[in-house]
Amino acid sequence: MNLKKWSTGLLGSIMLTGGLLAGCGSDDGSSGDQVEVDVFQFKVEFREEFEQLAETYEEENPDVSINITTVGGGEDYGSALRSRFNSGNEPSIFNVGGPQDVEDWSDYLADLSETESANAALPGTLDGVTVNDGVYGLPYNLEGYGFIYNTRIFEEAGIDVDSIQSFDDLEGVVETLDSQKEELGLDAVFAFPGAEAWVTGLHLSNTFLAPEFNHNVTDAYEADGVEFEYGEAFESIVDLQDEYSVQPTVSLDYSQQVEELFSLQRVAIIQQGNWVYPSITGIDEEFANEDIDMMPIPVEGYEENLLPVGVPMYWAVNENLDEEVVEASKDFLDWLYTSDLGKEAVVNDFNFIPAYDGYDAEDINDPLSQTIYEYSENDQTIGWVFMGYPTGWGEDQLGALIQKYLSEEASWDEIISETQEAWESSRE
């Protein structure tokens, strides 16, 4: 997600447990001054469902007011969040992405280690937001990404996806699809959103950098440099998507990729994650439920059949606000992930893969999340290390240079050398 999506990747309103909000109402149930919880979050894909759930909570808890702002998709959440804080209108709940964000926002983060949600979080999901036994974020969910493909088109083209076990296999499949694109009704094989620096600079780069950091976000965060051990494989995947994509890729954005091209079945493959499922469903529910699936992005020279799976973002609580707002924010997050109504919404309305105990895996109901869960169960995953990149490095340095590469304004060697220098200087 993503970190604008997140595709990824990659969430919106907020509710609070009424019984735990001391002082919000009188004993007879009448309403006093409302506790206002301002939520500033990045995930656009479930915004409407989240807002509806927040309205339900407000009806049941009239002493709580939930104000939701969602900034994501093609907008820069990080910049918008900084502007929000600089304006003096600080949110109660906001999003952080991992170790670097925890350091950058340390003056604002409340310790959430005593919350029910923190105690229910799955093993490893809090690693990126834990400092000296303090927990400074609660995971949204688990997400995964790769190449989402149209199963009907693959079948019509005579392609068995199980035969794709390497980059060479993938390249052959892409060439086959390209040779049949008129008969298959395709504009192109891929829709490669070069306009989105997070797609290339965060998600795609993670696939090729995770191996050198042992799939561990903390290793990336503590690293003085980056080697690009699989830089040639990275270049090959960029080139393959660019060559066989709707053009020009450098101006193709997320909305065009997901909504205009893939959901309308004008392309066969997109690089995205399970967070796109609600958007596809909103356009063609039958297609979303019957004709889409996900396959890995092969890392040539390494494992070529792994999906990157991780926590896309964390909920943080602003400790500098009034105590009643801080406590109300914590209580809400607990309600969201541990109450029966909240858990039902997390799985069925938000289509999340839960990052917490107490859920039934059989309730996961969309094909992309099911595939990710299966890969996770089979230990066929790559870790998410991009949240350990230096601040801004993934998008502002690497992603921006890849955009120049797609515009033929920079060479791949220049990308490697310049981003290596940027990483090293940021860690001095």
Protein backbone atom coordinates (compact mmCIF):
# COMPACT_ATOMS: atom_id res chain seq x y z
CA MET A 1 0.00 0.00 0.00
CA ASN A 2 1.10 2.37 -0.70
CA LEU A 3 3.20 4.52 1.43
CA LYS A 4 0.28 5.85 -0.19
CA LYS A 5 -1.79 2.94 -0.89
CA TRP A 6 -0.99 1.12 0.72
CA SER A 7 -1.52 -0.58 -2.42
CA THR A 8 0.63 -1.11 -0.35
CA GLY A 9 -1.41 -0.56 -0.50
CA LEU A 10 -1.99 0.63 1.07
CA LEU A 11 -7.89 2.85 5.67
CA GLY A 12 -10.33 5.61 6.93
CA SER A 13 -12.79 6.12 9.75
CA ILE A 14 -12.73 5.37 13.40
CA MET A 15 -14.92 4.31 16.28
CA LEU A 16 -14.60 4.08 19.98
CA THR A 17 -15.87 1.91 22.79
CA GLY A 18 -18.51 3.82 24.67
CA GLY A 19 -18.21 2.05 28.01
CA LEU A 20 -14.53 2.90 28.39
CA LEU A 21 -14.89 6.61 27.77
CA ALA A 22 -15.10 7.96 31.27
CA GLY A 23 -16.61 11.42 31.52
CA CYS A 24 -18.19 11.40 28.05
CA GLY A 25 -21.76 11.13 29.26
CA SER A 26 -23.86 11.07 32.39
CA ASP A 27 -25.15 7.98 34.17
CA ASP A 28 -28.58 8.32 32.62
CA GLY A 29 -27.13 8.11 29.13
CA SER A 30 -27.58 11.78 28.26
CA SER A 31 -24.94 13.40 26.16
CA GLY A 32 -22.42 15.88 27.52
CA ASP A 33 -19.47 17.41 25.71
CA GLN A 34 -18.38 15.18 22.85
CA VAL A 35 -14.92 13.70 22.62
CA GLU A 36 -13.69 14.45 19.11
CA VAL A 37 -11.33 11.95 17.51
CA ASP A 38 -9.75 13.21 14.30
CA VAL A 39 -8.44 10.44 12.08
CA PHE A 40 -5.98 11.18 9.28
CA GLN A 41 -5.32 8.04 7.27
CA PHE A 42 -3.99 6.90 3.92
CA LYS A 43 -5.96 3.94 2.65
CA VAL A 44 -8.51 5.01 0.07
CA GLU A 45 -9.70 1.53 -0.86
CA PHE A 46 -11.90 1.00 2.19
CA ARG A 47 -12.78 4.61 2.92
CA GLU A 48 -16.53 4.33 2.32
CA GLU A 49 -16.90 1.13 4.34
CA PHE A 50 -14.85 2.59 7.17
CA GLU A 51 -16.91 5.78 7.24
CA GLN A 52 -20.14 3.76 7.35
CA LEU A 53 -18.82 1.76 10.29
CA ALA A 54 -17.84 4.98 12.05
CA GLU A 55 -21.38 6.29 11.60
CA THR A 56 -22.75 3.13 13.17
CA TYR A 57 -20.45 3.60 16.12
CA GLU A 58 -21.47 7.24 16.56
CA GLU A 59 -25.13 6.22 16.64
CA GLU A 60 -24.39 3.82 19.47
CA ASN A 61 -21.99 6.22 21.21
CA PRO A 62 -23.38 9.76 20.85
CA ASP A 63 -20.70 11.20 23.14
CA VAL A 64 -18.02 10.44 20.56
CA SER A 65 -17.50 12.32 17.30
CA ILE A 66 -15.34 10.73 14.60
CA ASN A 67 -13.84 13.06 12.00
CA ILE A 68 -12.14 11.24 9.13
CA THR A 69 -9.75 12.55 6.51
CA THR A 70 -8.36 10.16 3.89
CA VAL A 71 -5.37 11.09 1.76
CA GLY A 72 -4.01 8.38 -0.53
CA GLY A 73 -4.12 6.95 -4.02
CA GLY A 74 -2.24 9.45 -6.16
CA GLU A 75 -1.74 11.88 -3.28
CA ASP A 76 1.34 11.97 -1.04
CA TYR A 77 0.17 10.96 2.43
CA GLY A 78 3.50 11.71 4.10
CA SER A 79 3.61 15.29 2.83
CA ALA A 80 -0.05 15.81 3.66
CA LEU A 81 0.49 14.52 7.20
CA ARG A 82 3.41 16.87 7.79
CA SER A 83 1.34 19.78 6.49
CA ARG A 84 -1.49 18.82 8.81
CA PHE A 85 0.81 18.87 11.85
CA ASN A 86 2.51 22.08 10.72
CA SER A 87 -0.90 23.76 10.48
CA GLY A 88 -1.47 23.15 14.18
CA ASN A 89 -4.53 21.00 13.49
CA GLU A 90 -3.00 17.79 14.79
CA PRO A 91 -4.95 14.54 14.25
CA SER A 92 -5.75 12.17 17.10
CA ILE A 93 -4.95 9.04 15.09
CA PHE A 94 -2.61 8.90 12.11
CA ASN A 95 -0.42 6.43 10.24
CA VAL A 96 3.24 5.48 10.55
CA GLY A 97 5.10 3.03 8.37
CA GLY A 98 7.78 1.41 10.53
CA PRO A 99 11.13 2.12 12.24
CA GLN A 100 12.00 5.26 10.31
CA ASP A 101 8.57 6.79 10.84
CA VAL A 102 8.67 5.85 14.52
CA GLU A 103 11.92 7.79 14.84
CA ASP A 104 10.66 10.72 12.76
CA TRP A 105 7.40 11.03 14.73
CA SER A 106 8.74 9.98 18.14
CA ASP A 107 7.69 13.25 19.82
CA TYR A 108 4.05 12.51 19.04
CA LEU A 109 3.64 8.76 19.56
CA ALA A 110 1.73 7.32 22.50
CA ASP A 111 2.80 3.95 23.89
CA LEU A 112 0.14 1.42 22.92
CA SER A 113 1.71 -1.62 24.56
CA GLU A 114 -1.10 -1.97 27.14
CA THR A 115 -3.91 -2.01 24.56
CA GLU A 116 -5.90 -5.15 23.84
CA SER A 117 -4.94 -4.85 20.19
CA ALA A 118 -1.20 -4.89 20.92
CA ASN A 119 -1.64 -8.02 23.01
CA ALA A 120 -3.60 -9.70 20.21
CA ALA A 121 -1.19 -8.78 17.39
CA LEU A 122 0.32 -11.74 15.52
CA PRO A 123 4.00 -12.60 16.16
CA GLY A 124 6.36 -10.30 14.30
CA THR A 125 3.76 -7.73 13.29
CA LEU A 126 4.88 -5.23 15.94
CA ASP A 127 8.61 -5.55 15.31
CA GLY A 128 8.84 -2.41 13.20
CA VAL A 129 7.13 -0.19 15.78
CA THR A 130 8.62 -1.53 19.03
CA VAL A 131 11.32 0.48 20.82
CA ASN A 132 12.62 -0.47 24.28
CA ASP A 133 9.51 -2.54 25.00
CA GLY A 134 7.21 0.31 24.00
CA VAL A 135 4.76 -0.29 21.15
CA TYR A 136 4.11 2.84 19.09
CA GLY A 137 1.79 1.55 16.40
CA LEU A 138 -0.91 -1.05 15.80
CA PRO A 139 -0.98 -2.92 12.47
CA TYR A 140 -3.74 -2.21 9.99
CA ASN A 141 -3.67 -5.72 8.57
CA LEU A 142 -1.47 -8.01 6.54
CA GLU A 143 -1.10 -7.27 2.86
CA GLY A 144 0.73 -8.81 -0.03
CA TYR A 145 1.45 -7.83 -3.57
CA GLY A 146 2.74 -9.24 -6.80
CA PHE A 147 1.43 -9.55 -10.33
CA ILE A 148 -2.37 -9.60 -10.36
CA TYR A 149 -3.60 -11.27 -13.50
CA ASN A 150 -6.81 -11.96 -15.41
CA THR A 151 -7.37 -15.71 -15.13
CA ARG A 152 -9.87 -15.76 -18.00
CA ILE A 153 -7.41 -14.15 -20.38
CA PHE A 154 -4.66 -16.53 -19.31
CA GLU A 155 -6.96 -19.48 -19.95
CA GLU A 156 -8.03 -18.17 -23.36
CA ALA A 157 -4.37 -17.67 -24.29
CA GLY A 158 -3.59 -21.27 -23.26
CA ILE A 159 -1.36 -20.24 -20.34
CA ASP A 160 -1.00 -22.36 -17.21
CA VAL A 161 0.06 -19.96 -14.45
CA ASP A 162 1.64 -22.83 -12.49
CA SER A 163 4.19 -23.13 -15.28
CA ILE A 164 5.58 -19.67 -14.41
CA GLN A 165 8.43 -20.47 -12.04
CA SER A 166 11.11 -18.04 -13.20
CA PHE A 167 11.71 -14.73 -14.94
CA ASP A 168 12.32 -16.55 -18.22
CA ASP A 169 8.93 -18.26 -17.87
CA LEU A 170 7.24 -14.94 -17.16
CA GLU A 171 8.92 -13.29 -20.13
CA GLY A 172 7.67 -16.07 -22.40
CA VAL A 173 4.12 -15.71 -21.10
CA VAL A 174 4.21 -11.95 -21.64
CA GLU A 175 5.38 -12.43 -25.22
CA THR A 176 2.58 -14.94 -25.80
CA LEU A 177 -0.04 -12.54 -24.47
CA ASP A 178 1.38 -9.71 -26.53
CA SER A 179 1.19 -11.78 -29.71
CA GLN A 180 -2.52 -12.45 -29.04
CA LYS A 181 -3.59 -9.12 -27.62
CA GLU A 182 -5.93 -8.25 -30.50
CA GLU A 183 -7.80 -11.57 -30.25
CA LEU A 184 -7.91 -11.21 -26.45
CA GLY A 185 -9.21 -7.65 -26.59
CA LEU A 186 -6.20 -6.15 -24.83
CA ASP A 187 -4.68 -2.70 -25.18
CA ALA A 188 -1.42 -4.15 -23.80
CA VAL A 189 -0.21 -6.89 -21.49
CA PHE A 190 0.62 -4.59 -18.55
CA ALA A 191 -0.49 -1.30 -17.12
CA PHE A 192 2.73 -0.09 -15.46
CA PRO A 193 2.01 3.07 -13.38
CA GLY A 194 5.30 4.89 -13.70
CA ALA A 195 3.71 8.07 -12.36
CA GLU A 196 3.44 6.41 -8.94
CA ALA A 197 6.90 6.51 -7.34
CA TRP A 198 5.71 4.27 -4.50
CA VAL A 199 4.92 1.43 -6.90
CA THR A 200 8.50 1.27 -8.17
CA GLY A 201 10.55 2.93 -5.43
CA LEU A 202 8.89 1.14 -2.51
CA HIS A 203 7.02 -2.01 -3.51
CA LEU A 204 8.95 -3.18 -6.54
CA SER A 205 12.33 -2.28 -5.04
CA ASN A 206 11.45 -4.16 -1.85
CA THR A 207 11.11 -7.38 -3.84
CA PHE A 208 14.74 -7.09 -4.94
CA LEU A 209 16.26 -5.50 -1.82
CA ALA A 210 14.61 -7.65 0.86
CA PRO A 211 16.99 -10.59 0.25
CA GLU A 212 20.08 -8.54 1.05
CA PHE A 213 18.51 -7.36 4.31
CA ASN A 214 17.42 -10.89 5.35
CA HIS A 215 13.78 -9.86 4.83
CA ASN A 216 14.09 -7.87 8.07
CA VAL A 217 12.92 -4.26 8.30
CA THR A 218 15.24 -3.58 11.24
CA ASP A 219 18.28 -4.76 9.25
CA ALA A 220 17.36 -2.31 6.50
CA TYR A 221 16.82 0.46 9.02
CA GLU A 222 20.23 -0.11 10.60
CA ALA A 223 22.14 -0.57 7.31
CA ASP A 224 24.72 2.08 6.39
CA GLY A 225 24.44 1.27 2.69
CA VAL A 226 22.63 -0.68 0.01
CA GLU A 227 24.36 -2.99 -2.46
CA PHE A 228 21.61 -3.79 -5.00
CA GLU A 229 22.76 -7.41 -5.12
CA TYR A 230 19.81 -8.18 -7.41
CA GLY A 231 19.88 -4.89 -9.28
CA GLU A 232 20.03 -6.53 -12.72
CA ALA A 233 16.96 -8.62 -11.93
CA PHE A 234 15.22 -5.46 -10.74
CA GLU A 235 16.07 -3.72 -14.02
CA SER A 236 14.74 -6.67 -16.03
CA ILE A 237 11.32 -6.51 -14.35
CA VAL A 238 11.11 -2.74 -14.83
CA ASP A 239 12.02 -3.13 -18.50
CA LEU A 240 9.56 -5.98 -19.07
CA GLN A 241 6.64 -4.05 -17.61
CA ASP A 242 7.61 -0.87 -19.42
CA GLU A 243 8.05 -2.51 -22.83
CA TYR A 244 4.72 -4.34 -22.78
CA SER A 245 2.62 -1.69 -21.05
CA VAL A 246 0.05 0.85 -22.11
CA GLN A 247 2.07 3.96 -22.94
CA PRO A 248 3.40 6.35 -21.82
CA THR A 249 4.13 4.58 -18.55
CA VAL A 250 5.70 7.62 -16.92
CA SER A 251 2.30 9.38 -16.85
CA LEU A 252 0.18 6.32 -16.05
CA ASP A 253 -1.24 6.54 -12.52
CA TYR A 254 -2.86 4.19 -10.03
CA SER A 255 -6.44 5.04 -10.92
CA GLN A 256 -5.86 4.48 -14.63
CA GLN A 257 -4.00 1.25 -13.93
CA VAL A 258 -6.56 -0.34 -11.62
CA GLU A 259 -9.89 1.19 -12.58
CA GLU A 260 -9.65 2.10 -16.24
CA LEU A 261 -7.40 -0.61 -17.59
CA PHE A 262 -7.36 -3.73 -15.42
CA SER A 263 -10.91 -3.62 -14.04
CA LEU A 264 -12.26 -3.08 -17.56
CA GLN A 265 -10.10 -6.00 -18.73
CA ARG A 266 -8.06 -3.94 -21.18
CA VAL A 267 -4.77 -5.30 -19.77
CA ALA A 268 -3.92 -8.78 -18.48
CA ILE A 269 -1.46 -8.06 -15.64
CA ILE A 270 -0.79 -5.31 -13.11
CA GLN A 271 1.73 -5.00 -10.29
CA GLN A 272 -0.44 -4.35 -7.23
CA GLY A 273 -1.67 -5.89 -3.99
CA ASN A 274 -4.83 -7.23 -2.43
CA TRP A 275 -5.87 -3.68 -1.50
CA VAL A 276 -7.17 -3.21 -5.07
CA TYR A 277 -9.92 -5.80 -4.61
CA PRO A 278 -12.59 -3.32 -3.37
CA SER A 279 -11.90 -1.00 -6.31
CA ILE A 280 -12.21 -3.84 -8.82
CA THR A 281 -15.35 -5.10 -7.11
CA GLY A 282 -16.91 -1.66 -7.34
CA ILE A 283 -16.48 -1.73 -11.11
CA ASP A 284 -17.13 -5.40 -11.93
CA GLU A 285 -18.02 -7.63 -8.99
CA GLU A 286 -18.23 -10.79 -11.08
CA PHE A 287 -14.78 -10.20 -12.56
CA ALA A 288 -13.31 -9.46 -9.11
CA ASN A 289 -14.64 -12.68 -7.61
CA GLU A 290 -14.19 -15.10 -10.48
CA ASP A 291 -11.40 -13.98 -12.81
CA ILE A 292 -8.49 -12.49 -10.85
CA ASP A 293 -5.58 -13.99 -8.93
CA MET A 294 -2.02 -13.12 -7.94
CA MET A 295 1.39 -14.58 -8.79
CA PRO A 296 4.88 -13.69 -7.53
CA ILE A 297 7.29 -11.20 -9.06
CA PRO A 298 10.30 -13.43 -9.84
CA VAL A 299 13.68 -12.37 -8.46
CA GLU A 300 16.12 -13.80 -10.98
CA GLY A 301 19.12 -15.39 -9.26
CA TYR A 302 17.23 -15.69 -5.97
CA GLU A 303 13.90 -17.29 -5.06
CA GLU A 304 11.51 -16.72 -7.94
CA ASN A 305 8.26 -17.91 -6.38
CA LEU A 306 7.73 -15.73 -3.29
CA LEU A 307 5.14 -13.06 -2.49
CA PRO A 308 6.09 -9.95 -0.49
CA VAL A 309 3.81 -9.98 2.58
CA GLY A 310 3.84 -7.57 5.49
CA VAL A 311 2.10 -4.87 7.50
CA PRO A 312 1.34 -1.95 5.17
CA MET A 313 0.97 0.72 7.83
CA TYR A 314 0.32 1.21 11.50
CA TRP A 315 -2.19 3.24 13.48
CA ALA A 316 -0.49 5.74 15.78
CA VAL A 317 -2.07 7.82 18.54
CA ASN A 318 -1.02 11.42 19.15
CA GLU A 319 0.07 11.55 22.79
CA ASN A 320 0.18 15.37 22.88
CA LEU A 321 -3.59 15.85 22.86
CA ASP A 322 -5.96 15.90 25.85
CA GLU A 323 -5.88 12.72 27.90
CA GLU A 324 -9.52 11.92 27.17
CA VAL A 325 -8.83 12.08 23.42
CA VAL A 326 -5.76 9.86 23.75
CA GLU A 327 -7.67 7.27 25.77
CA ALA A 328 -10.66 7.44 23.44
CA SER A 329 -8.36 6.84 20.47
CA LYS A 330 -6.79 3.80 22.11
CA ASP A 331 -10.19 2.45 23.05
CA PHE A 332 -11.42 2.81 19.50
CA LEU A 333 -8.55 0.85 18.05
CA ASP A 334 -9.23 -1.93 20.52
CA TRP A 335 -12.90 -1.92 19.55
CA LEU A 336 -12.03 -2.06 15.87
CA TYR A 337 -9.86 -5.16 16.08
CA THR A 338 -11.20 -7.09 19.08
CA SER A 339 -14.97 -6.54 19.20
CA ASP A 340 -17.30 -8.89 17.30
CA LEU A 341 -18.71 -6.09 15.14
CA GLY A 342 -15.27 -4.67 14.42
CA LYS A 343 -13.79 -8.05 13.51
CA GLU A 344 -16.69 -8.81 11.18
CA ALA A 345 -16.14 -5.49 9.39
CA VAL A 346 -12.37 -6.00 9.19
CA VAL A 347 -12.80 -9.26 7.27
CA ASN A 348 -16.06 -8.88 5.38
CA ASP A 349 -16.34 -5.15 4.70
CA PHE A 350 -12.71 -4.04 4.55
CA ASN A 351 -11.49 -7.31 3.02
CA PHE A 352 -8.44 -7.25 5.28
CA ILE A 353 -6.17 -10.15 6.08
CA PRO A 354 -6.17 -9.83 9.88
CA ALA A 355 -2.91 -9.15 11.70
CA TYR A 356 -4.44 -10.24 15.01
CA ASP A 357 -5.46 -13.39 16.86
CA GLY A 358 -9.12 -14.27 17.23
CA TYR A 359 -10.11 -14.46 13.55
CA ASP A 360 -11.24 -17.42 11.46
CA ALA A 361 -9.08 -17.77 8.34
CA GLU A 362 -12.01 -19.34 6.51
CA ASP A 363 -13.77 -15.97 6.66
CA ILE A 364 -11.26 -14.43 4.25
CA ASN A 365 -13.40 -14.11 1.19
CA ASP A 366 -11.58 -12.42 -1.68
CA PRO A 367 -9.32 -14.37 -4.08
CA LEU A 368 -6.28 -12.12 -3.72
CA SER A 369 -6.25 -12.29 0.07
CA GLN A 370 -6.80 -16.04 -0.06
CA THR A 371 -3.73 -16.46 -2.26
CA ILE A 372 -1.64 -14.28 0.06
CA TYR A 373 -2.80 -16.25 3.08
CA GLU A 374 -1.90 -19.53 1.35
CA TYR A 375 1.59 -18.26 0.49
CA SER A 376 1.99 -17.11 4.10
CA GLU A 377 0.91 -20.48 5.45
CA ASN A 378 3.42 -22.19 3.14
CA ASP A 379 6.23 -19.80 4.16
CA GLN A 380 6.59 -18.59 0.57
CA THR A 381 6.97 -14.92 1.39
CA ILE A 382 9.43 -12.04 1.16
CA GLY A 383 9.56 -9.56 4.04
CA TRP A 384 8.67 -5.89 3.78
CA VAL A 385 11.88 -3.95 4.35
CA PHE A 386 10.99 -0.72 2.57
CA MET A 387 9.68 0.76 5.82
CA GLY A 388 13.29 0.64 6.98
CA TYR A 389 14.56 2.73 4.06
CA PRO A 390 15.95 6.18 4.93
CA THR A 391 13.24 8.84 5.04
CA GLY A 392 12.08 9.70 1.52
CA TRP A 393 14.66 7.45 -0.12
CA GLY A 394 12.25 5.01 -1.75
CA GLU A 395 10.03 7.55 -3.45
CA ASP A 396 11.96 10.81 -3.62
CA GLN A 397 15.26 9.22 -4.66
CA LEU A 398 14.77 5.76 -6.16
CA GLY A 399 11.22 6.18 -7.45
CA ALA A 400 11.96 9.59 -8.94
CA LEU A 401 15.06 8.29 -10.71
CA ILE A 402 13.11 5.34 -12.13
CA GLN A 403 10.69 7.87 -13.59
CA LYS A 404 13.66 9.54 -15.28
CA TYR A 405 14.78 6.12 -16.49
CA LEU A 406 11.35 5.49 -18.02
CA SER A 407 11.64 8.87 -19.74
CA GLU A 408 15.13 7.97 -20.98
CA GLU A 409 16.62 10.78 -18.92
CA ALA A 410 18.74 8.52 -16.70
CA SER A 411 20.56 5.22 -17.07
CA TRP A 412 20.13 2.27 -14.75
CA ASP A 413 23.74 2.66 -13.61
CA GLU A 414 22.95 6.24 -12.62
CA ILE A 415 19.97 5.04 -10.60
CA ILE A 416 22.14 2.61 -8.67
CA SER A 417 25.04 4.97 -7.99
CA GLU A 418 22.92 7.98 -7.06
CA THR A 419 20.62 6.09 -4.74
CA GLN A 420 23.55 4.34 -3.06
CA GLU A 421 25.10 7.72 -2.35
CA ALA A 422 21.78 9.07 -1.07
CA TRP A 423 21.34 6.12 1.30
CA GLU A 424 24.87 6.42 2.68
CA SER A 425 24.63 10.19 3.20
CA SER A 426 21.32 9.86 5.01
CA ARG A 427 22.85 7.40 7.47
CA GLU A 428 25.96 9.41 8.31
